[in-house]
Amino acid sequence: MEARMGNPAFVVPGAMQALQALGRSVHDAGLPAGLLDLVYTRASQINGCGVCLEMHARDMKKNGESDERVWTLAGWRDAPYFTDEERAALALTEAVTRQADHPDAVTDEIWSDAADHFDEKQLGALVLAIASINVWNRLNATTRQVAGAWKP
């Protein structure tokens, strides 16, 4: 496996700094790090981004996630290991990530469920987190970045 080019975030001046600033804003908005790990990993599963899957699954384990939660994340609807808050965030993650697959992908029901669990600042951060991981997934998948190649 070989990447088509360097990651565009590193190639285009200022891009990495902008993406990192967005990431800091999301993390500073008060969402639990474990919830963000779930969101990042689930979107990466949908988008088939090996780089992000490896990175965020490692983060999940490093931050104390159980094997069961890591193993069953793709099937979260049928697994008993996720809270109602996490389920709302994962449903929103899937809807936002798959917008092109469905008209009105982010239904009022999905939005209302998320809004029941998160205040406006947190909900805004959640939407930004989902958008951000989708950007990273698309950069990596398009240029065929190789999982594991980024590790020192």
Protein backbone atom coordinates (compact mmCIF):
# COMPACT_ATOMS: atom_id res chain seq x y z
CA MET A 1 0.00 0.00 0.00
CA GLU A 2 1.18 3.44 -0.84
CA ALA A 3 -0.46 6.84 -0.45
CA ARG A 4 -1.25 8.76 -3.61
CA MET A 5 0.29 11.90 -2.12
CA GLY A 6 1.00 13.43 1.24
CA ASN A 7 -2.03 14.28 3.32
CA PRO A 8 -3.46 17.55 1.93
CA ALA A 9 -3.67 18.96 5.45
CA PHE A 10 0.13 18.83 5.55
CA VAL A 11 0.68 19.82 1.92
CA VAL A 12 -1.47 22.98 1.82
CA PRO A 13 -0.01 25.77 3.99
CA GLY A 14 -2.24 26.68 6.92
CA ALA A 15 -4.66 23.78 6.45
CA MET A 16 -3.40 21.69 9.37
CA GLN A 17 -3.46 24.68 11.69
CA ALA A 18 -7.05 25.45 10.69
CA LEU A 19 -8.19 21.86 11.21
CA GLN A 20 -6.40 21.68 14.55
CA ALA A 21 -8.04 24.95 15.66
CA LEU A 22 -11.45 23.47 14.81
CA GLY A 23 -10.55 20.34 16.78
CA ARG A 24 -9.55 22.41 19.82
CA SER A 25 -12.85 24.31 19.68
CA VAL A 26 -14.79 21.05 19.64
CA HIS A 27 -12.81 19.62 22.56
CA ASP A 28 -13.18 22.84 24.57
CA ALA A 29 -16.99 22.83 24.25
CA GLY A 30 -17.55 20.38 27.09
CA LEU A 31 -18.31 17.09 25.38
CA PRO A 32 -16.77 14.04 27.06
CA ALA A 33 -13.64 12.79 25.29
CA GLY A 34 -15.03 9.25 25.27
CA LEU A 35 -18.14 10.40 23.44
CA LEU A 36 -16.01 12.14 20.82
CA ASP A 37 -13.96 8.95 20.40
CA LEU A 38 -17.17 7.03 19.70
CA VAL A 39 -18.30 9.63 17.16
CA TYR A 40 -14.93 9.76 15.42
CA THR A 41 -14.63 5.99 15.25
CA ARG A 42 -18.19 5.40 14.04
CA ALA A 43 -17.93 7.97 11.23
CA SER A 44 -14.58 6.47 10.26
CA GLN A 45 -16.14 3.00 10.10
CA ILE A 46 -18.84 4.29 7.76
CA ASN A 47 -16.31 6.11 5.58
CA GLY A 48 -13.77 3.29 5.55
CA CYS A 49 -10.89 5.44 6.77
CA GLY A 50 -8.25 3.05 8.07
CA VAL A 51 -6.01 5.83 9.38
CA CYS A 52 -8.75 7.35 11.54
CA LEU A 53 -10.10 3.96 12.60
CA GLU A 54 -6.72 2.90 13.91
CA MET A 55 -6.06 6.24 15.59
CA HIS A 56 -9.40 6.57 17.32
CA ALA A 57 -9.72 2.90 18.31
CA ARG A 58 -6.29 3.25 19.93
CA ASP A 59 -7.52 6.39 21.71
CA MET A 60 -10.59 4.51 22.91
CA LYS A 61 -8.46 1.74 24.40
CA LYS A 62 -5.93 4.19 25.85
CA ASN A 63 -8.79 6.08 27.51
CA GLY A 64 -10.15 2.93 29.15
CA GLU A 65 -12.92 1.82 26.78
CA SER A 66 -13.91 -1.82 27.18
CA ASP A 67 -13.24 -4.31 24.42
CA GLU A 68 -16.99 -4.89 24.14
CA ARG A 69 -17.68 -1.24 23.32
CA VAL A 70 -14.89 -1.12 20.74
CA TRP A 71 -15.95 -4.41 19.15
CA THR A 72 -19.66 -3.59 18.97
CA LEU A 73 -19.56 0.07 17.98
CA ALA A 74 -20.61 -0.64 14.39
CA GLY A 75 -23.64 -2.49 15.79
CA TRP A 76 -24.41 -0.06 18.62
CA ARG A 77 -28.18 -0.30 18.12
CA ASP A 78 -28.09 -3.99 19.05
CA ALA A 79 -25.49 -3.81 21.82
CA PRO A 80 -26.29 -3.04 25.47
CA TYR A 81 -23.05 -1.16 26.12
CA PHE A 82 -24.06 2.38 25.11
CA THR A 83 -25.93 5.05 27.05
CA ASP A 84 -28.95 6.92 25.71
CA GLU A 85 -26.75 10.01 25.28
CA GLU A 86 -24.21 8.03 23.27
CA ARG A 87 -26.96 6.47 21.17
CA ALA A 88 -28.32 9.93 20.33
CA ALA A 89 -24.83 11.10 19.33
CA LEU A 90 -24.21 7.97 17.25
CA ALA A 91 -27.56 8.29 15.45
CA LEU A 92 -26.72 11.91 14.63
CA THR A 93 -23.23 10.86 13.50
CA GLU A 94 -24.64 8.29 11.11
CA ALA A 95 -27.28 10.67 9.74
CA VAL A 96 -24.83 13.51 9.13
CA THR A 97 -22.22 11.18 7.66
CA ARG A 98 -24.72 9.56 5.31
CA GLN A 99 -26.57 12.69 4.18
CA ALA A 100 -26.25 11.82 0.52
CA ASP A 101 -27.93 8.44 1.08
CA HIS A 102 -31.29 9.80 2.25
CA PRO A 103 -33.40 12.86 1.64
CA ASP A 104 -33.77 14.68 4.97
CA ALA A 105 -31.13 12.39 6.49
CA VAL A 106 -31.07 14.29 9.76
CA THR A 107 -34.71 13.82 10.67
CA ASP A 108 -36.52 15.85 13.29
CA GLU A 109 -36.60 12.73 15.46
CA ILE A 110 -32.82 12.28 15.32
CA TRP A 111 -32.26 15.98 15.95
CA SER A 112 -34.74 16.14 18.84
CA ASP A 113 -33.22 13.10 20.50
CA ALA A 114 -29.77 14.68 20.34
CA ALA A 115 -31.16 18.01 21.58
CA ASP A 116 -32.68 16.20 24.57
CA HIS A 117 -29.20 15.11 25.66
CA PHE A 118 -27.00 18.07 24.74
CA ASP A 119 -27.29 21.82 25.29
CA GLU A 120 -26.91 24.15 22.30
CA LYS A 121 -23.15 24.61 22.71
CA GLN A 122 -22.58 20.86 23.05
CA LEU A 123 -24.89 20.11 20.13
CA GLY A 124 -23.02 22.64 17.99
CA ALA A 125 -19.74 21.05 19.01
CA LEU A 126 -21.13 17.60 18.20
CA VAL A 127 -22.14 18.72 14.69
CA LEU A 128 -18.69 20.30 14.21
CA ALA A 129 -17.01 17.11 15.48
CA ILE A 130 -18.97 15.00 13.00
CA ALA A 131 -18.18 17.39 10.16
CA SER A 132 -14.52 17.48 11.15
CA ILE A 133 -14.03 13.71 11.24
CA ASN A 134 -15.79 13.46 7.88
CA VAL A 135 -13.25 15.95 6.48
CA TRP A 136 -10.36 13.89 7.86
CA ASN A 137 -11.90 10.66 6.52
CA ARG A 138 -12.29 12.14 3.07
CA LEU A 139 -8.77 13.56 2.98
CA ASN A 140 -7.30 10.22 4.03
CA ALA A 141 -9.50 7.99 1.86
CA THR A 142 -9.18 10.14 -1.26
CA THR A 143 -5.39 10.20 -1.07
CA ARG A 144 -5.22 6.59 0.19
CA GLN A 145 -3.30 7.37 3.35
CA VAL A 146 -2.07 4.13 4.89
CA ALA A 147 -3.12 3.11 8.40
CA GLY A 148 -0.09 2.82 10.63
CA ALA A 149 2.19 4.87 8.39
CA TRP A 150 1.73 7.94 10.59
CA LYS A 151 3.04 6.25 13.75
CA PRO A 152 6.58 7.10 14.85
